[in-house]
Amino acid sequence: MGALADPIEFETTEDGTVPAGAIKISFYNDGTSVAIVNGVRLKVGKATNFGFTGKPYRAIEYKANGTTLFIRYTV
């Protein structure tokens, strides 16, 4: 990890994991079906955020389930 924060943004329709070490994470469901983020349902048109806590997050898994997720995280 460098001295400066590095924001990363992308859209995906595939399952994946935000890697451990992120200091801020957000998900937005921009698709047509329910996604699963960190084991919790994320309804269409809804967002969930993992705000800055002063220490990095562990890896956060997500399952798109055929929808489109917009993901933003900072390392």
N, C-alpha and C. Protein backbone atom coordinates (compact mmCIF):
# COMPACT_ATOMS: atom_id res chain seq x y z
N MET A 1 0.85 -1.17 0.00
CA MET A 1 0.00 0.00 0.00
C MET A 1 0.90 1.24 0.00
N GLY A 2 0.61 2.18 -0.87
CA GLY A 2 1.40 3.38 -0.99
C GLY A 2 1.00 4.43 0.04
N ALA A 3 1.63 5.59 -0.06
CA ALA A 3 1.36 6.68 0.87
C ALA A 3 0.05 7.40 0.54
N LEU A 4 -0.42 7.29 -0.71
CA LEU A 4 -1.64 7.98 -1.13
C LEU A 4 -2.75 6.97 -1.39
N ALA A 5 -3.98 7.34 -1.08
CA ALA A 5 -5.12 6.47 -1.34
C ALA A 5 -5.35 6.33 -2.84
N ASP A 6 -5.80 5.16 -3.26
CA ASP A 6 -6.02 4.85 -4.66
C ASP A 6 -7.47 4.41 -4.86
N PRO A 7 -8.36 5.29 -5.36
CA PRO A 7 -9.75 4.91 -5.59
C PRO A 7 -9.87 4.04 -6.86
N ILE A 8 -10.67 3.00 -6.76
CA ILE A 8 -10.90 2.09 -7.87
C ILE A 8 -12.40 1.99 -8.09
N GLU A 9 -12.85 2.13 -9.35
CA GLU A 9 -14.28 2.06 -9.68
C GLU A 9 -14.46 1.14 -10.87
N PHE A 10 -15.51 0.32 -10.83
CA PHE A 10 -15.82 -0.53 -11.98
C PHE A 10 -17.24 -1.06 -11.89
N GLU A 11 -17.76 -1.50 -13.03
CA GLU A 11 -19.05 -2.19 -13.10
C GLU A 11 -18.78 -3.65 -13.42
N THR A 12 -19.61 -4.54 -12.88
CA THR A 12 -19.44 -5.95 -13.15
C THR A 12 -20.77 -6.68 -13.11
N THR A 13 -20.84 -7.77 -13.86
CA THR A 13 -21.98 -8.68 -13.81
C THR A 13 -21.52 -10.04 -13.30
N GLU A 14 -20.28 -10.12 -12.86
CA GLU A 14 -19.71 -11.38 -12.38
C GLU A 14 -19.49 -11.34 -10.87
N ASP A 15 -19.43 -12.53 -10.26
CA ASP A 15 -19.14 -12.64 -8.84
C ASP A 15 -17.68 -12.28 -8.60
N GLY A 16 -17.37 -11.84 -7.39
CA GLY A 16 -15.99 -11.51 -7.09
C GLY A 16 -15.79 -11.12 -5.64
N THR A 17 -14.64 -10.52 -5.39
CA THR A 17 -14.25 -10.11 -4.04
C THR A 17 -13.49 -8.79 -4.11
N VAL A 18 -13.89 -7.87 -3.25
CA VAL A 18 -13.06 -6.68 -3.04
C VAL A 18 -11.93 -7.13 -2.13
N PRO A 19 -10.68 -6.93 -2.54
CA PRO A 19 -9.58 -7.47 -1.76
C PRO A 19 -9.44 -6.84 -0.38
N ALA A 20 -8.86 -7.59 0.54
CA ALA A 20 -8.57 -7.07 1.87
C ALA A 20 -7.66 -5.86 1.75
N GLY A 21 -7.84 -4.90 2.64
CA GLY A 21 -6.99 -3.72 2.66
C GLY A 21 -7.69 -2.44 2.25
N ALA A 22 -8.91 -2.54 1.71
CA ALA A 22 -9.65 -1.34 1.33
C ALA A 22 -10.04 -0.56 2.59
N ILE A 23 -10.02 0.77 2.50
CA ILE A 23 -10.38 1.60 3.65
C ILE A 23 -11.80 2.17 3.53
N LYS A 24 -12.39 2.05 2.35
CA LYS A 24 -13.76 2.51 2.11
C LYS A 24 -14.29 1.73 0.91
N ILE A 25 -15.54 1.23 1.00
CA ILE A 25 -16.10 0.39 -0.06
C ILE A 25 -17.57 0.76 -0.25
N SER A 26 -18.03 0.81 -1.50
CA SER A 26 -19.46 0.99 -1.75
C SER A 26 -19.90 0.14 -2.93
N PHE A 27 -21.14 -0.33 -2.86
CA PHE A 27 -21.76 -1.13 -3.90
C PHE A 27 -23.10 -0.50 -4.26
N TYR A 28 -23.42 -0.47 -5.55
CA TYR A 28 -24.73 -0.01 -6.01
C TYR A 28 -25.26 -1.04 -7.00
N ASN A 29 -26.49 -1.50 -6.80
CA ASN A 29 -27.11 -2.47 -7.69
C ASN A 29 -27.85 -1.71 -8.79
N ASP A 30 -27.26 -1.71 -9.99
CA ASP A 30 -27.80 -0.97 -11.13
C ASP A 30 -28.47 -1.91 -12.13
N GLY A 31 -28.78 -3.13 -11.70
CA GLY A 31 -29.32 -4.12 -12.62
C GLY A 31 -30.78 -4.42 -12.39
N THR A 32 -31.15 -5.67 -12.66
CA THR A 32 -32.55 -6.08 -12.64
C THR A 32 -32.87 -7.20 -11.67
N SER A 33 -31.88 -7.63 -10.88
CA SER A 33 -32.15 -8.68 -9.90
C SER A 33 -31.36 -8.42 -8.62
N VAL A 34 -31.69 -9.14 -7.58
CA VAL A 34 -31.05 -8.97 -6.27
C VAL A 34 -29.63 -9.53 -6.30
N ALA A 35 -28.69 -8.78 -5.76
CA ALA A 35 -27.31 -9.23 -5.61
C ALA A 35 -27.07 -9.61 -4.14
N ILE A 36 -25.98 -10.27 -3.88
CA ILE A 36 -25.59 -10.61 -2.51
C ILE A 36 -24.23 -9.95 -2.24
N VAL A 37 -24.17 -9.11 -1.21
CA VAL A 37 -22.93 -8.43 -0.84
C VAL A 37 -22.64 -8.74 0.62
N ASN A 38 -21.51 -9.37 0.86
CA ASN A 38 -21.12 -9.73 2.23
C ASN A 38 -22.19 -10.58 2.91
N GLY A 39 -22.86 -11.44 2.11
CA GLY A 39 -23.88 -12.34 2.64
C GLY A 39 -25.25 -11.71 2.82
N VAL A 40 -25.43 -10.46 2.41
CA VAL A 40 -26.70 -9.74 2.59
C VAL A 40 -27.28 -9.36 1.23
N ARG A 41 -28.59 -9.50 1.09
CA ARG A 41 -29.26 -9.15 -0.17
C ARG A 41 -29.18 -7.65 -0.43
N LEU A 42 -28.84 -7.30 -1.68
CA LEU A 42 -28.82 -5.90 -2.12
C LEU A 42 -29.84 -5.77 -3.24
N LYS A 43 -30.97 -5.14 -2.93
CA LYS A 43 -32.07 -5.01 -3.88
C LYS A 43 -31.72 -4.07 -5.03
N VAL A 44 -32.44 -4.21 -6.12
CA VAL A 44 -32.26 -3.37 -7.31
C VAL A 44 -32.44 -1.90 -6.92
N GLY A 45 -31.53 -1.05 -7.39
CA GLY A 45 -31.61 0.38 -7.12
C GLY A 45 -31.11 0.79 -5.75
N LYS A 46 -30.59 -0.13 -4.98
CA LYS A 46 -30.12 0.16 -3.62
C LYS A 46 -28.60 0.13 -3.56
N ALA A 47 -28.05 0.79 -2.56
CA ALA A 47 -26.61 0.83 -2.33
C ALA A 47 -26.30 0.40 -0.90
N THR A 48 -25.08 -0.05 -0.71
CA THR A 48 -24.58 -0.31 0.64
C THR A 48 -23.15 0.18 0.70
N ASN A 49 -22.78 0.70 1.85
CA ASN A 49 -21.46 1.32 2.01
C ASN A 49 -20.76 0.78 3.24
N PHE A 50 -19.47 0.64 3.12
CA PHE A 50 -18.59 0.31 4.23
C PHE A 50 -17.67 1.52 4.37
N GLY A 51 -18.02 2.42 5.28
CA GLY A 51 -17.31 3.69 5.41
C GLY A 51 -15.96 3.55 6.08
N PHE A 52 -15.23 4.65 6.10
CA PHE A 52 -13.90 4.68 6.71
C PHE A 52 -14.03 4.41 8.20
N THR A 53 -13.24 3.46 8.71
CA THR A 53 -13.30 3.10 10.12
C THR A 53 -11.98 3.33 10.84
N GLY A 54 -10.96 3.77 10.12
CA GLY A 54 -9.66 3.98 10.73
C GLY A 54 -8.75 2.77 10.58
N LYS A 55 -9.29 1.67 10.07
CA LYS A 55 -8.47 0.50 9.77
C LYS A 55 -9.04 -0.19 8.55
N PRO A 56 -8.24 -0.94 7.81
CA PRO A 56 -8.71 -1.55 6.57
C PRO A 56 -9.69 -2.69 6.80
N TYR A 57 -10.53 -2.92 5.78
CA TYR A 57 -11.50 -4.01 5.81
C TYR A 57 -10.87 -5.32 5.37
N ARG A 58 -11.47 -6.42 5.82
CA ARG A 58 -11.12 -7.73 5.29
C ARG A 58 -11.72 -7.84 3.89
N ALA A 59 -11.43 -8.90 3.17
CA ALA A 59 -12.01 -9.09 1.84
C ALA A 59 -13.53 -9.17 1.94
N ILE A 60 -14.24 -8.54 1.01
CA ILE A 60 -15.71 -8.53 0.98
C ILE A 60 -16.16 -9.22 -0.31
N GLU A 61 -16.88 -10.33 -0.18
CA GLU A 61 -17.36 -11.08 -1.35
C GLU A 61 -18.69 -10.52 -1.83
N TYR A 62 -18.91 -10.65 -3.16
CA TYR A 62 -20.19 -10.26 -3.75
C TYR A 62 -20.58 -11.26 -4.83
N LYS A 63 -21.90 -11.45 -4.97
CA LYS A 63 -22.46 -12.32 -6.01
C LYS A 63 -23.45 -11.49 -6.80
N ALA A 64 -23.18 -11.32 -8.08
CA ALA A 64 -24.01 -10.46 -8.92
C ALA A 64 -25.38 -11.08 -9.21
N ASN A 65 -25.47 -12.39 -9.32
CA ASN A 65 -26.74 -13.06 -9.60
C ASN A 65 -27.44 -12.52 -10.84
N GLY A 66 -26.66 -12.19 -11.87
CA GLY A 66 -27.24 -11.73 -13.14
C GLY A 66 -27.55 -10.25 -13.19
N THR A 67 -27.20 -9.51 -12.18
CA THR A 67 -27.45 -8.07 -12.17
C THR A 67 -26.13 -7.32 -12.44
N THR A 68 -26.19 -6.01 -12.51
CA THR A 68 -24.99 -5.20 -12.69
C THR A 68 -24.69 -4.47 -11.39
N LEU A 69 -23.48 -4.62 -10.91
CA LEU A 69 -23.04 -3.93 -9.71
C LEU A 69 -22.03 -2.86 -10.07
N PHE A 70 -22.21 -1.67 -9.52
CA PHE A 70 -21.20 -0.62 -9.60
C PHE A 70 -20.47 -0.65 -8.27
N ILE A 71 -19.15 -0.82 -8.32
CA ILE A 71 -18.36 -0.98 -7.11
C ILE A 71 -17.28 0.10 -7.08
N ARG A 72 -17.12 0.71 -5.92
CA ARG A 72 -16.07 1.71 -5.71
C ARG A 72 -15.39 1.37 -4.39
N TYR A 73 -14.06 1.27 -4.42
CA TYR A 73 -13.34 1.07 -3.18
C TYR A 73 -12.01 1.81 -3.22
N THR A 74 -11.50 2.11 -2.03
CA THR A 74 -10.25 2.86 -1.91
C THR A 74 -9.25 2.05 -1.11
N VAL A 75 -8.05 1.92 -1.66
CA VAL A 75 -6.96 1.23 -0.95
C VAL A 75 -5.84 2.21 -0.67
